[in-house]
C-alpha atoms as a PDB file:
ATOM      1  CA  UNK A   1      97.353 122.282 137.650  1.00  0.00           C
ATOM      2  CA  UNK A   2      93.353 122.103 137.971  1.00  0.00           C
ATOM      3  CA  UNK A   3      92.737 118.857 138.858  1.00  0.00           C
ATOM      4  CA  UNK A   4      89.561 117.327 136.539  1.00  0.00           C
ATOM      5  CA  UNK A   5      86.978 114.775 136.277  1.00  0.00           C
ATOM      6  CA  UNK A   6      87.770 112.862 133.058  1.00  0.00           C
ATOM      7  CA  UNK A   7      85.439 110.117 131.328  1.00  0.00           C
ATOM      8  CA  UNK A   8      87.797 107.750 129.496  1.00  0.00           C
ATOM      9  CA  UNK A   9      85.745 106.394 126.663  1.00  0.00           C
ATOM     10  CA  UNK A  10      87.147 102.902 125.719  1.00  0.00           C
ATOM     11  CA  UNK A  11      86.068 100.304 123.155  1.00  0.00           C
ATOM     12  CA  UNK A  12      84.067 100.287 120.869  1.00  0.00           C
ATOM     13  CA  UNK A  13      81.739  98.944 117.951  1.00  0.00           C
ATOM     14  CA  UNK A  14      84.915  98.453 115.706  1.00  0.00           C
ATOM     15  CA  UNK A  15      87.173  96.123 114.388  1.00  0.00           C
ATOM     16  CA  UNK A  16      89.775  98.096 116.754  1.00  0.00           C
ATOM     17  CA  UNK A  17      87.786  97.111 120.138  1.00  0.00           C
ATOM     18  CA  UNK A  18      90.898  95.264 121.451  1.00  0.00           C
ATOM     19  CA  UNK A  19      93.525  98.005 120.686  1.00  0.00           C
ATOM     20  CA  UNK A  20      91.172 100.420 122.256  1.00  0.00           C
ATOM     21  CA  UNK A  21      91.608  99.107 125.912  1.00  0.00           C
ATOM     22  CA  UNK A  22      94.895  99.260 125.639  1.00  0.00           C
ATOM     23  CA  UNK A  23      95.218 102.715 124.953  1.00  0.00           C
ATOM     24  CA  UNK A  24      92.407 103.114 127.890  1.00  0.00           C
ATOM     25  CA  UNK A  25      94.707 101.226 130.275  1.00  0.00           C
ATOM     26  CA  UNK A  26      97.625 103.491 129.048  1.00  0.00           C
ATOM     27  CA  UNK A  27      95.656 106.820 129.349  1.00  0.00           C
ATOM     28  CA  UNK A  28      94.031 105.846 132.467  1.00  0.00           C
ATOM     29  CA  UNK A  29      97.375 104.994 134.307  1.00  0.00           C
ATOM     30  CA  UNK A  30      98.950 108.340 133.273  1.00  0.00           C
ATOM     31  CA  UNK A  31      95.657 110.702 134.187  1.00  0.00           C
ATOM     32  CA  UNK A  32      95.002 109.284 137.365  1.00  0.00           C
ATOM     33  CA  UNK A  33      98.025 110.959 139.284  1.00  0.00           C
ATOM     34  CA  UNK A  34      96.578 114.223 138.453  1.00  0.00           C
ATOM     35  CA  UNK A  35      92.934 113.193 137.582  1.00  0.00           C
ATOM     36  CA  UNK A  36      89.913 111.713 139.040  1.00  0.00           C
ATOM     37  CA  UNK A  37      89.243 109.258 136.110  1.00  0.00           C
ATOM     38  CA  UNK A  38      85.846 107.455 135.129  1.00  0.00           C
ATOM     39  CA  UNK A  39      86.404 104.664 132.842  1.00  0.00           C
ATOM     40  CA  UNK A  40      83.602 103.990 130.349  1.00  0.00           C
ATOM     41  CA  UNK A  41      83.669 101.109 128.765  1.00  0.00           C
ATOM     42  CA  UNK A  42      81.775 101.269 125.525  1.00  0.00           C
ATOM     43  CA  UNK A  43      80.716  97.580 124.673  1.00  0.00           C
ATOM     44  CA  UNK A  44      80.801  95.764 121.368  1.00  0.00           C
ATOM     45  CA  UNK A  45      77.038  96.379 121.206  1.00  0.00           C
ATOM     46  CA  UNK A  46      77.671  99.799 121.885  1.00  0.00           C
ATOM     47  CA  UNK A  47      76.545 100.332 125.773  1.00  0.00           C
ATOM     48  CA  UNK A  48      77.981 102.636 127.742  1.00  0.00           C
ATOM     49  CA  UNK A  49      79.256 101.191 130.875  1.00  0.00           C
ATOM     50  CA  UNK A  50      80.729 103.367 133.844  1.00  0.00           C
ATOM     51  CA  UNK A  51      82.974 100.990 135.661  1.00  0.00           C
ATOM     52  CA  UNK A  52      84.434 101.372 139.277  1.00  0.00           C
ATOM     53  CA  UNK A  53      87.810 102.869 140.426  1.00  0.00           C
ATOM     54  CA  UNK A  54      90.440 104.046 137.745  1.00  0.00           C
ATOM     55  CA  UNK A  55      91.216 101.523 135.998  1.00  0.00           C
ATOM     56  CA  UNK A  56      89.387 100.221 132.418  1.00  0.00           C
ATOM     57  CA  UNK A  57      88.137  96.892 132.495  1.00  0.00           C
ATOM     58  CA  UNK A  58      87.073  94.382 129.319  1.00  0.00           C
ATOM     59  CA  UNK A  59      83.731  93.604 130.876  1.00  0.00           C
ATOM     60  CA  UNK A  60      81.431  95.059 133.085  1.00  0.00           C
ATOM     61  CA  UNK A  61      80.133  98.167 134.573  1.00  0.00           C
ATOM     62  CA  UNK A  62      76.802 100.621 135.549  1.00  0.00           C
ATOM     63  CA  UNK A  63      74.719 100.946 131.981  1.00  0.00           C
ATOM     64  CA  UNK A  64      74.911 104.773 131.298  1.00  0.00           C
ATOM     65  CA  UNK A  65      73.966 107.273 129.015  1.00  0.00           C
ATOM     66  CA  UNK A  66      74.563 111.024 127.607  1.00  0.00           C
ATOM     67  CA  UNK A  67      71.501 113.211 127.226  1.00  0.00           C
ATOM     68  CA  UNK A  68      72.297 115.128 123.359  1.00  0.00           C
ATOM     69  CA  UNK A  69      71.173 118.528 125.244  1.00  0.00           C
ATOM     70  CA  UNK A  70      73.044 121.164 126.844  1.00  0.00           C
ATOM     71  CA  UNK A  71      70.992 121.618 129.671  1.00  0.00           C
ATOM     72  CA  UNK A  72      71.866 118.453 131.938  1.00  0.00           C
ATOM     73  CA  UNK A  73      75.460 119.432 131.423  1.00  0.00           C
ATOM     74  CA  UNK A  74      77.113 116.806 129.946  1.00  0.00           C
ATOM     75  CA  UNK A  75      76.151 114.171 133.198  1.00  0.00           C
ATOM     76  CA  UNK A  76      76.726 110.509 132.765  1.00  0.00           C
ATOM     77  CA  UNK A  77      72.830 109.055 133.607  1.00  0.00           C
ATOM     78  CA  UNK A  78      72.389 105.268 134.841  1.00  0.00           C
ATOM     79  CA  UNK A  79      69.755 103.333 132.075  1.00  0.00           C
ATOM     80  CA  UNK A  80      67.955 102.078 135.081  1.00  0.00           C
ATOM     81  CA  UNK A  81      65.992 104.782 136.273  1.00  0.00           C
ATOM     82  CA  UNK A  82      68.251 108.149 134.975  1.00  0.00           C
ATOM     83  CA  UNK A  83      69.663 108.970 138.334  1.00  0.00           C
ATOM     84  CA  UNK A  84      73.084 111.190 137.906  1.00  0.00           C
ATOM     85  CA  UNK A  85      75.867 108.287 138.161  1.00  0.00           C
ATOM     86  CA  UNK A  86      78.888 111.100 137.237  1.00  0.00           C
ATOM     87  CA  UNK A  87      79.373 114.447 135.997  1.00  0.00           C
ATOM     88  CA  UNK A  88      82.428 114.621 133.968  1.00  0.00           C
ATOM     89  CA  UNK A  89      84.643 118.074 133.863  1.00  0.00           C
ATOM     90  CA  UNK A  90      85.810 116.631 130.019  1.00  0.00           C
ATOM     91  CA  UNK A  91      85.268 113.568 127.632  1.00  0.00           C
ATOM     92  CA  UNK A  92      88.702 111.706 126.563  1.00  0.00           C
ATOM     93  CA  UNK A  93      87.171 109.077 124.001  1.00  0.00           C
ATOM     94  CA  UNK A  94      90.139 106.587 122.902  1.00  0.00           C
ATOM     95  CA  UNK A  95      87.652 104.716 120.615  1.00  0.00           C
ATOM     96  CA  UNK A  96      89.918 103.676 117.457  1.00  0.00           C
ATOM     97  CA  UNK A  97      87.550 103.013 114.563  1.00  0.00           C
ATOM     98  CA  UNK A  98      84.358 103.273 113.672  1.00  0.00           C
ATOM     99  CA  UNK A  99      81.338 104.500 116.088  1.00  0.00           C
ATOM    100  CA  UNK A 100      84.927 106.739 117.663  1.00  0.00           C
ATOM    101  CA  UNK A 101      87.125 108.163 115.569  1.00  0.00           C
ATOM    102  CA  UNK A 102      84.887 108.733 112.852  1.00  0.00           C
ATOM    103  CA  UNK A 103      82.994 111.921 113.974  1.00  0.00           C
ATOM    104  CA  UNK A 104      79.892 109.762 115.497  1.00  0.00           C
ATOM    105  CA  UNK A 105      80.512 110.043 119.026  1.00  0.00           C
ATOM    106  CA  UNK A 106      82.109 113.573 118.419  1.00  0.00           C
ATOM    107  CA  UNK A 107      78.315 114.585 117.202  1.00  0.00           C
ATOM    108  CA  UNK A 108      76.915 113.719 120.678  1.00  0.00           C
ATOM    109  CA  UNK A 109      79.339 115.275 122.274  1.00  0.00           C
ATOM    110  CA  UNK A 110      78.551 118.299 120.464  1.00  0.00           C
ATOM    111  CA  UNK A 111      74.757 117.917 120.988  1.00  0.00           C
ATOM    112  CA  UNK A 112      75.311 117.876 124.733  1.00  0.00           C
ATOM    113  CA  UNK A 113      77.687 120.738 124.420  1.00  0.00           C
ATOM    114  CA  UNK A 114      80.568 118.900 126.531  1.00  0.00           C
ATOM    115  CA  UNK A 115      84.064 119.718 126.484  1.00  0.00           C
ATOM    116  CA  UNK A 116      85.939 116.626 125.156  1.00  0.00           C
ATOM    117  CA  UNK A 117      89.599 115.729 123.636  1.00  0.00           C
ATOM    118  CA  UNK A 118      90.668 115.771 119.902  1.00  0.00           C
ATOM    119  CA  UNK A 119      88.840 116.572 117.163  1.00  0.00           C
ATOM    120  CA  UNK A 120      85.332 117.431 115.770  1.00  0.00           C
ATOM    121  CA  UNK A 121      82.821 115.595 113.566  1.00  0.00           C
ATOM    122  CA  UNK A 122      84.216 117.014 110.497  1.00  0.00           C
ATOM    123  CA  UNK A 123      88.002 116.392 110.801  1.00  0.00           C
ATOM    124  CA  UNK A 124      87.030 113.202 112.678  1.00  0.00           C
ATOM    125  CA  UNK A 125      85.008 111.819 109.570  1.00  0.00           C
ATOM    126  CA  UNK A 126      87.315 113.090 106.596  1.00  0.00           C
ATOM    127  CA  UNK A 127      90.437 111.253 108.659  1.00  0.00           C
ATOM    128  CA  UNK A 128      88.547 108.484 108.924  1.00  0.00           C
ATOM    129  CA  UNK A 129      86.992 108.210 105.805  1.00  0.00           C
ATOM    130  CA  UNK A 130      90.366 107.396 103.807  1.00  0.00           C
ATOM    131  CA  UNK A 131      88.523 108.093  99.975  1.00  0.00           C
ATOM    132  CA  UNK A 132      87.784 112.225 101.861  1.00  0.00           C
ATOM    133  CA  UNK A 133      90.694 112.004 103.449  1.00  0.00           C
ATOM    134  CA  UNK A 134      93.118 111.788 100.496  1.00  0.00           C
ATOM    135  CA  UNK A 135      90.714 113.693  98.450  1.00  0.00           C
ATOM    136  CA  UNK A 136      91.320 116.502 101.273  1.00  0.00           C
ATOM    137  CA  UNK A 137      95.301 115.932 101.003  1.00  0.00           C
ATOM    138  CA  UNK A 138      95.276 116.459  97.089  1.00  0.00           C
ATOM    139  CA  UNK A 139      93.381 119.577  97.476  1.00  0.00           C
ATOM    140  CA  UNK A 140      95.790 120.897  99.511  1.00  0.00           C
ATOM    141  CA  UNK A 141      98.906 119.378  97.380  1.00  0.00           C
ATOM    142  CA  UNK A 142     100.028 117.240  99.906  1.00  0.00           C
ATOM    143  CA  UNK A 143     102.301 114.097  97.976  1.00  0.00           C
ATOM    144  CA  UNK A 144     100.571 110.914  98.459  1.00  0.00           C
ATOM    145  CA  UNK A 145     100.775 107.429  96.062  1.00  0.00           C
ATOM    146  CA  UNK A 146      98.703 106.252  93.426  1.00  0.00           C
ATOM    147  CA  UNK A 147      95.337 104.756  94.984  1.00  0.00           C
ATOM    148  CA  UNK A 148      91.673 103.864  93.662  1.00  0.00           C
ATOM    149  CA  UNK A 149      88.623 103.347  95.665  1.00  0.00           C
ATOM    150  CA  UNK A 150      85.794 100.275  95.106  1.00  0.00           C
ATOM    151  CA  UNK A 151      82.255 100.508  96.353  1.00  0.00           C
ATOM    152  CA  UNK A 152      81.713  96.910  96.573  1.00  0.00           C
ATOM    153  CA  UNK A 153      82.960  94.216  93.671  1.00  0.00           C
ATOM    154  CA  UNK A 154      83.702  94.974  90.434  1.00  0.00           C
ATOM    155  CA  UNK A 155      85.629  92.876  88.022  1.00  0.00           C
ATOM    156  CA  UNK A 156      86.023  95.824  85.627  1.00  0.00           C
ATOM    157  CA  UNK A 157      86.873  98.433  88.276  1.00  0.00           C
ATOM    158  CA  UNK A 158      89.368  95.798  89.660  1.00  0.00           C
ATOM    159  CA  UNK A 159      91.093  94.893  86.400  1.00  0.00           C
ATOM    160  CA  UNK A 160      91.457  98.975  85.590  1.00  0.00           C
ATOM    161  CA  UNK A 161      92.877  99.175  88.823  1.00  0.00           C
ATOM    162  CA  UNK A 162      95.697  96.494  88.713  1.00  0.00           C
ATOM    163  CA  UNK A 163      95.963  98.105  85.300  1.00  0.00           C
ATOM    164  CA  UNK A 164      96.680 101.381  86.284  1.00  0.00           C
ATOM    165  CA  UNK A 165      98.445 100.641  89.725  1.00  0.00           C
ATOM    166  CA  UNK A 166     100.455  97.800  89.107  1.00  0.00           C
ATOM    167  CA  UNK A 167     101.777  94.576  91.374  1.00  0.00           C
ATOM    168  CA  UNK A 168     101.706  94.745  94.554  1.00  0.00           C
ATOM    169  CA  UNK A 169      99.075  96.312  96.056  1.00  0.00           C
ATOM    170  CA  UNK A 170      97.914  97.140  99.217  1.00  0.00           C
ATOM    171  CA  UNK A 171      93.813  96.494 100.108  1.00  0.00           C
ATOM    172  CA  UNK A 172      91.967  98.061 102.972  1.00  0.00           C
ATOM    173  CA  UNK A 173      88.562  98.926 104.128  1.00  0.00           C
ATOM    174  CA  UNK A 174      88.120 102.702 103.563  1.00  0.00           C
ATOM    175  CA  UNK A 175      87.218 103.340 107.329  1.00  0.00           C
ATOM    176  CA  UNK A 176      89.456 101.251 109.743  1.00  0.00           C
ATOM    177  CA  UNK A 177      92.651 101.499 110.830  1.00  0.00           C
ATOM    178  CA  UNK A 178      95.215  99.517 113.242  1.00  0.00           C
ATOM    179  CA  UNK A 179      95.927  97.749 110.229  1.00  0.00           C
ATOM    180  CA  UNK A 180      92.455  95.833 110.404  1.00  0.00           C
ATOM    181  CA  UNK A 181      91.631  93.819 107.272  1.00  0.00           C
ATOM    182  CA  UNK A 182      95.050  95.043 105.227  1.00  0.00           C
ATOM    183  CA  UNK A 183      96.094  92.849 102.832  1.00  0.00           C
ATOM    184  CA  UNK A 184      99.125  93.108 100.301  1.00  0.00           C
ATOM    185  CA  UNK A 185      98.823  91.275  96.975  1.00  0.00           C
ATOM    186  CA  UNK A 186     101.062  90.438  94.765  1.00  0.00           C
ATOM    187  CA  UNK A 187      99.309  88.547  92.162  1.00  0.00           C
ATOM    188  CA  UNK A 188      96.123  88.976  90.407  1.00  0.00           C
ATOM    189  CA  UNK A 189      94.270  86.281  91.308  1.00  0.00           C
ATOM    190  CA  UNK A 190      94.277  87.191  95.358  1.00  0.00           C
ATOM    191  CA  UNK A 191      92.837  90.061  94.594  1.00  0.00           C
ATOM    192  CA  UNK A 192      89.565  89.488  95.230  1.00  0.00           C
ATOM    193  CA  UNK A 193      90.019  87.265  98.483  1.00  0.00           C
ATOM    194  CA  UNK A 194      91.643  90.663  99.621  1.00  0.00           C
ATOM    195  CA  UNK A 195      88.735  92.908  98.615  1.00  0.00           C
ATOM    196  CA  UNK A 196      85.976  90.697 100.306  1.00  0.00           C
ATOM    197  CA  UNK A 197      87.870  90.238 103.722  1.00  0.00           C
ATOM    198  CA  UNK A 198      88.240  94.664 103.467  1.00  0.00           C
ATOM    199  CA  UNK A 199      84.869  94.611 102.169  1.00  0.00           C
ATOM    200  CA  UNK A 200      83.406  93.114 105.303  1.00  0.00           C
ATOM    201  CA  UNK A 201      84.611  95.537 107.123  1.00  0.00           C
ATOM    202  CA  UNK A 202      83.399  98.854 105.215  1.00  0.00           C
ATOM    203  CA  UNK A 203      80.975  99.208 101.902  1.00  0.00           C
ATOM    204  CA  UNK A 204      84.452 101.163 100.542  1.00  0.00           C
ATOM    205  CA  UNK A 205      87.687  99.528  99.600  1.00  0.00           C
ATOM    206  CA  UNK A 206      90.914 101.213  98.766  1.00  0.00           C
ATOM    207  CA  UNK A 207      93.704  99.933  96.854  1.00  0.00           C
ATOM    208  CA  UNK A 208      97.460 101.791  96.993  1.00  0.00           C
ATOM    209  CA  UNK A 209      99.868 100.887  94.888  1.00  0.00           C
ATOM    210  CA  UNK A 210     103.298  99.713  97.125  1.00  0.00           C
ATOM    211  CA  UNK A 211     105.827 101.665  97.445  1.00  0.00           C
ATOM    212  CA  UNK A 212     109.293 100.886  97.915  1.00  0.00           C
ATOM    213  CA  UNK A 213     109.986 102.893 101.344  1.00  0.00           C
ATOM    214  CA  UNK A 214     110.904 103.406 104.673  1.00  0.00           C
ATOM    215  CA  UNK A 215     107.718 104.254 107.162  1.00  0.00           C
ATOM    216  CA  UNK A 216     107.931 107.501 109.077  1.00  0.00           C
ATOM    217  CA  UNK A 217     105.381 108.848 111.727  1.00  0.00           C
ATOM    218  CA  UNK A 218     105.451 112.092 113.406  1.00  0.00           C
ATOM    219  CA  UNK A 219     102.624 113.405 116.155  1.00  0.00           C
ATOM    220  CA  UNK A 220     101.034 116.783 115.799  1.00  0.00           C
ATOM    221  CA  UNK A 221      99.516 118.660 118.672  1.00  0.00           C
ATOM    222  CA  UNK A 222      97.694 121.805 118.855  1.00  0.00           C
ATOM    223  CA  UNK A 223      94.087 123.286 117.824  1.00  0.00           C
ATOM    224  CA  UNK A 224      94.696 126.417 115.605  1.00  0.00           C
ATOM    225  CA  UNK A 225      98.624 126.270 115.778  1.00  0.00           C
ATOM    226  CA  UNK A 226     100.002 122.957 115.592  1.00  0.00           C
ATOM    227  CA  UNK A 227     103.243 122.182 116.206  1.00  0.00           C
ATOM    228  CA  UNK A 228     105.206 118.664 115.143  1.00  0.00           C
ATOM    229  CA  UNK A 229     107.035 116.141 116.845  1.00  0.00           C
ATOM    230  CA  UNK A 230     110.502 115.183 115.887  1.00  0.00           C
ATOM    231  CA  UNK A 231     110.061 111.802 113.392  1.00  0.00           C
ATOM    232  CA  UNK A 232     110.254 108.373 113.966  1.00  0.00           C
ATOM    233  CA  UNK A 233     110.577 105.246 111.920  1.00  0.00           C
ATOM    234  CA  UNK A 234     109.223 102.080 112.268  1.00  0.00           C
ATOM    235  CA  UNK A 235     111.176  98.705 111.151  1.00  0.00           C
ATOM    236  CA  UNK A 236     108.633  96.317 110.876  1.00  0.00           C
ATOM    237  CA  UNK A 237     109.246  92.878 112.168  1.00  0.00           C
ATOM    238  CA  UNK A 238     107.811  90.996 108.947  1.00  0.00           C
ATOM    239  CA  UNK A 239     106.713  92.333 105.341  1.00  0.00           C
ATOM    240  CA  UNK A 240     104.698  94.983 106.103  1.00  0.00           C
ATOM    241  CA  UNK A 241     103.545  96.530 109.650  1.00  0.00           C
ATOM    242  CA  UNK A 242     100.219  94.466 110.229  1.00  0.00           C
ATOM    243  CA  UNK A 243      98.645  94.154 113.017  1.00  0.00           C
ATOM    244  CA  UNK A 244     100.668  91.439 114.435  1.00  0.00           C
ATOM    245  CA  UNK A 245     103.386  93.618 113.945  1.00  0.00           C
ATOM    246  CA  UNK A 246     101.805  96.640 116.011  1.00  0.00           C
ATOM    247  CA  UNK A 247     100.282  94.443 118.865  1.00  0.00           C
ATOM    248  CA  UNK A 248     101.587  91.186 119.231  1.00  0.00           C
ATOM    249  CA  UNK A 249     103.230  90.265 122.249  1.00  0.00           C
ATOM    250  CA  UNK A 250     105.805  88.235 119.759  1.00  0.00           C
ATOM    251  CA  UNK A 251     106.496  91.069 117.635  1.00  0.00           C
ATOM    252  CA  UNK A 252     109.894  92.440 117.041  1.00  0.00           C
ATOM    253  CA  UNK A 253     108.913  95.691 115.236  1.00  0.00           C
ATOM    254  CA  UNK A 254     111.788  98.228 115.971  1.00  0.00           C
ATOM    255  CA  UNK A 255     110.523 101.935 117.111  1.00  0.00           C
ATOM    256  CA  UNK A 256     113.797 104.162 116.117  1.00  0.00           C
ATOM    257  CA  UNK A 257     113.005 107.236 117.946  1.00  0.00           C
ATOM    258  CA  UNK A 258     114.301 109.831 116.025  1.00  0.00           C
ATOM    259  CA  UNK A 259     114.517 108.550 112.780  1.00  0.00           C
ATOM    260  CA  UNK A 260     117.584 108.780 111.557  1.00  0.00           C
ATOM    261  CA  UNK A 261     117.078 111.605 108.421  1.00  0.00           C
ATOM    262  CA  UNK A 262     118.653 114.526 107.632  1.00  0.00           C
ATOM    263  CA  UNK A 263     117.558 118.163 108.891  1.00  0.00           C
ATOM    264  CA  UNK A 264     115.954 119.136 105.231  1.00  0.00           C
ATOM    265  CA  UNK A 265     114.016 115.245 105.495  1.00  0.00           C
ATOM    266  CA  UNK A 266     112.916 116.063 108.854  1.00  0.00           C
ATOM    267  CA  UNK A 267     111.970 119.675 108.296  1.00  0.00           C
ATOM    268  CA  UNK A 268     109.658 118.339 104.940  1.00  0.00           C
ATOM    269  CA  UNK A 269     107.997 115.915 106.837  1.00  0.00           C
ATOM    270  CA  UNK A 270     107.383 117.706 109.855  1.00  0.00           C
ATOM    271  CA  UNK A 271     105.632 120.885 108.024  1.00  0.00           C
ATOM    272  CA  UNK A 272     103.893 118.223 105.695  1.00  0.00           C
ATOM    273  CA  UNK A 273     102.548 117.027 109.244  1.00  0.00           C
ATOM    274  CA  UNK A 274     101.126 120.030 109.938  1.00  0.00           C
ATOM    275  CA  UNK A 275     100.141 120.273 106.826  1.00  0.00           C
ATOM    276  CA  UNK A 276      98.026 117.256 106.880  1.00  0.00           C
ATOM    277  CA  UNK A 277      96.643 118.181 109.766  1.00  0.00           C
ATOM    278  CA  UNK A 278      95.090 121.255 108.757  1.00  0.00           C
ATOM    279  CA  UNK A 279      94.037 119.802 105.321  1.00  0.00           C
ATOM    280  CA  UNK A 280      91.368 117.420 107.298  1.00  0.00           C
ATOM    281  CA  UNK A 281      91.020 120.809 110.185  1.00  0.00           C
ATOM    282  CA  UNK A 282      92.088 118.971 113.127  1.00  0.00           C
ATOM    283  CA  UNK A 283      92.113 119.599 116.525  1.00  0.00           C
ATOM    284  CA  UNK A 284      93.658 118.461 119.446  1.00  0.00           C
ATOM    285  CA  UNK A 285      96.255 115.840 118.714  1.00  0.00           C
ATOM    286  CA  UNK A 286      96.997 113.382 115.580  1.00  0.00           C
ATOM    287  CA  UNK A 287      99.215 111.162 113.965  1.00  0.00           C
ATOM    288  CA  UNK A 288     100.675 111.386 110.223  1.00  0.00           C
ATOM    289  CA  UNK A 289     101.707 108.240 108.637  1.00  0.00           C
ATOM    290  CA  UNK A 290     104.490 109.055 106.002  1.00  0.00           C
ATOM    291  CA  UNK A 291     106.165 106.608 102.979  1.00  0.00           C
ATOM    292  CA  UNK A 292     109.914 107.913 102.085  1.00  0.00           C
ATOM    293  CA  UNK A 293     110.792 106.699  99.321  1.00  0.00           C
ATOM    294  CA  UNK A 294     114.079 105.197  99.018  1.00  0.00           C
ATOM    295  CA  UNK A 295     115.041 105.951  95.609  1.00  0.00           C
ATOM    296  CA  UNK A 296     113.713 109.315  95.408  1.00  0.00           C
ATOM    297  CA  UNK A 297     113.714 110.714  99.049  1.00  0.00           C
ATOM    298  CA  UNK A 298     110.874 111.998  98.550  1.00  0.00           C
ATOM    299  CA  UNK A 299     108.554 111.913 101.868  1.00  0.00           C
ATOM    300  CA  UNK A 300     104.517 110.761 100.995  1.00  0.00           C
ATOM    301  CA  UNK A 301     101.660 111.118 103.650  1.00  0.00           C
ATOM    302  CA  UNK A 302      99.975 107.688 104.009  1.00  0.00           C
ATOM    303  CA  UNK A 303      97.623 108.777 106.402  1.00  0.00           C
ATOM    304  CA  UNK A 304      96.676 110.974 109.278  1.00  0.00           C
ATOM    305  CA  UNK A 305      94.776 109.593 112.842  1.00  0.00           C
ATOM    306  CA  UNK A 306      92.495 111.604 115.072  1.00  0.00           C
ATOM    307  CA  UNK A 307      92.598 109.478 117.886  1.00  0.00           C
ATOM    308  CA  UNK A 308      95.875 107.423 116.989  1.00  0.00           C
ATOM    309  CA  UNK A 309      97.044 104.670 119.707  1.00  0.00           C
ATOM    310  CA  UNK A 310      98.008 105.013 122.978  1.00  0.00           C
ATOM    311  CA  UNK A 311      99.603 102.103 124.385  1.00  0.00           C
ATOM    312  CA  UNK A 312     102.534 101.741 126.164  1.00  0.00           C
ATOM    313  CA  UNK A 313     104.311 101.362 122.638  1.00  0.00           C
ATOM    314  CA  UNK A 314     102.689 103.692 120.581  1.00  0.00           C
ATOM    315  CA  UNK A 315     104.789 105.901 118.360  1.00  0.00           C
ATOM    316  CA  UNK A 316     102.160 109.052 119.545  1.00  0.00           C
ATOM    317  CA  UNK A 317     103.284 110.028 123.245  1.00  0.00           C
ATOM    318  CA  UNK A 318     106.912 108.047 122.472  1.00  0.00           C
ATOM    319  CA  UNK A 319     107.415 110.761 119.616  1.00  0.00           C
ATOM    320  CA  UNK A 320     106.540 113.507 121.781  1.00  0.00           C
ATOM    321  CA  UNK A 321     108.527 112.263 124.832  1.00  0.00           C
ATOM    322  CA  UNK A 322     111.757 112.514 122.851  1.00  0.00           C
ATOM    323  CA  UNK A 323     110.453 115.873 121.514  1.00  0.00           C
ATOM    324  CA  UNK A 324     110.659 117.146 125.125  1.00  0.00           C
ATOM    325  CA  UNK A 325     106.712 116.712 126.441  1.00  0.00           C
ATOM    326  CA  UNK A 326     106.413 113.815 129.003  1.00  0.00           C
ATOM    327  CA  UNK A 327     103.641 111.349 128.835  1.00  0.00           C
ATOM    328  CA  UNK A 328     101.351 112.739 132.160  1.00  0.00           C
ATOM    329  CA  UNK A 329     102.264 116.606 130.865  1.00  0.00           C
ATOM    330  CA  UNK A 330     101.244 115.377 127.013  1.00  0.00           C
ATOM    331  CA  UNK A 331      97.721 114.408 128.531  1.00  0.00           C
ATOM    332  CA  UNK A 332      97.644 117.408 130.742  1.00  0.00           C
ATOM    333  CA  UNK A 333      98.148 119.307 127.168  1.00  0.00           C
ATOM    334  CA  UNK A 334      95.058 117.137 125.664  1.00  0.00           C
ATOM    335  CA  UNK A 335      92.422 117.894 128.093  1.00  0.00           C
ATOM    336  CA  UNK A 336      93.414 122.039 127.914  1.00  0.00           C
ATOM    337  CA  UNK A 337      93.192 121.874 124.224  1.00  0.00           C
ATOM    338  CA  UNK A 338      89.897 119.974 124.655  1.00  0.00           C
ATOM    339  CA  UNK A 339      88.765 122.566 127.121  1.00  0.00           C
ATOM    340  CA  UNK A 340      89.875 125.630 124.943  1.00  0.00           C
ATOM    341  CA  UNK A 341      88.259 124.390 121.825  1.00  0.00           C
ATOM    342  CA  UNK A 342      85.048 124.421 123.538  1.00  0.00           C
ATOM    343  CA  UNK A 343      85.530 127.434 124.905  1.00  0.00           C
ATOM    344  CA  UNK A 344      85.693 128.692 121.557  1.00  0.00           C
ATOM    345  CA  UNK A 345      82.762 126.675 120.517  1.00  0.00           C
ATOM    346  CA  UNK A 346      80.499 128.086 123.713  1.00  0.00           C
ATOM    347  CA  UNK A 347      81.536 131.804 122.418  1.00  0.00           C
ATOM    348  CA  UNK A 348      79.998 131.035 118.659  1.00  0.00           C
ATOM    349  CA  UNK A 349      76.354 132.478 118.130  1.00  0.00           C
ATOM    350  CA  UNK A 350      73.693 129.954 117.303  1.00  0.00           C
ATOM    351  CA  UNK A 351      70.924 132.790 116.571  1.00  0.00           C
ATOM    352  CA  UNK A 352      70.858 135.412 113.744  1.00  0.00           C
ATOM    353  CA  UNK A 353      70.844 139.072 114.786  1.00  0.00           C
ATOM    354  CA  UNK A 354      70.439 141.415 111.753  1.00  0.00           C
END
């Protein structure tokens, strides 16, 4: 095993900033015995702060930047005088949400020609934007629930959406995760409030028909030949799997790993998870979330997350552990996949020769 210097990017300009802090703490603990960890806090203003030691902190650090040019070989430079502060071998973003999971930081990595963990620009952007993601799923003939997308408040479109979808519905920002700003609407009069909340985080809001279902998740790992983990089921401690249900210390949400499913259903969900991964052209890793209809037993793909939660209680690593891949080995596999994809990019031609 080669010891790597890993720049761990966390925090970010996102409503999921606090979730990212938790993921980074867990990833750092898992990486530190085998690799040198360089914690880089991206604060809520977008500044990159290189911190001392291997443990990520919520505040502080030396302001640094990454030059978007291959000539600089991915060095982190001090903002004060452009001197070299660190020279990572690979970047590991655990930046959930906007400006981290949406292809923006991946674009910077590609400009700098540095290796990084996870999906590239197009897959990250498509998976983050629920409208684009659902369109790609439809093109790949992946079953999903009924939905509508609104760009701003529009009473006529809102009425048409409710007429088409019925009640109850879920309303959420198109480009956010961790159940931030998600509302369940049971009466038509509450739709406006839910839309205002969602549109405060994004210019587009998604309205989804509620499904009487079990919530199941599958983790996917790989580049061109992805593999799926065993499925796991979420039993929320409240009406739906909201932010507090996921992350509150008082949460009593239960994770059943593996999920109690017949072999055929489990196999179909693993197959659909890989198909969803390929539909957005993801690489490295992702978590695919399902609704399993209670009446029909039919699995519906809800969404794919290209930087899934990596906290100590998160489904992604727990599912792989149950599949036979321990946490530290999972992290090593992610580094290897990132380096492999970087090698593929480096072999591509960038000039035309007739």
